[in-house]
Structure formats: structure tokens, C-alpha cells
Amino acid sequence: MASRTESMTNILKDLEAGTPDIEASAIVSVDGLIMASALPQDVEEDRVAAMSAAMLSLGERTAQELNRGKLDQVFIRGVNGYVLLMNAGEDAVLTTLVRKDAKLGIIFLDMKRAVEDLSKLV
């Protein structure tokens, strides 16, 4: 039987395999620690984890302070693509790095499906 980390990593790899516009993904604790990842070797896990937790915290506070309700997603667009974060239960967030020409509707749908599976393991 696979460990929880292996199971989470397999979900991330399946997400990337099914959605080629997702270049990398990780599941990160709200405390900023990597739980599982499918990141390229040139991407530092600790940096992704820390930034994901910081963005999640800032997004939650912004949504709360501006009466936007419970945070669902954080969406960052850069000239080279997107960083998308989605809550994966109470204690984790799914972070993905996405190509700039991606169809975001498909990406969000696939992320939501992955989050449903990941949240059972978190």
C-alpha cells in the first residue's frame, strides 16, 4: 500500500499528465511545508511552499477584510504564465505552475478534481 505522500504525488503526476499546460504542481501545508510535489529539479520545493503559504494567507485575509467570503483560489498572472492556488481542505493548498496560453477553464476543473482526491489524504 502506498504512503500518503506517494498517493499525493501520484495524484499530482496524474494531474500534470492529463493537463499538459500544467508545468508543475505541489501540495503544501498552510504552514508552508511541502507535503508532496511534482516539481522540476530546478524549482526549489521550500521556496514554492513558503510562497504558497504566504499567498494563501494574504489571499484569505484580503477576502475576509473586503467581505468577499471564504477564499477559494489565488490567481497570479505573469508574462510567462500563471501560478494558481486552490484550497485542498482545511490544512493544505494545491499550487500549480501553468503555461501562459493555457485554457484556464480546463485547468481549474482539473485542479478541482485533484483537490477532491487530495483532500481525502490531507
Foldseek 3Di string as FASTA:
>chain_A
DDDLQVVLQVLQVVLCVVFVQFQWKFKEWLVQHTSYIDHDPVDDSSVVSNVLNVQQVVQQVVCVVVVVPGDAKDWDADPQFIWIWGDLADTIIMITTGGHPGDVVVSVVSVVVSSVVSSVSD
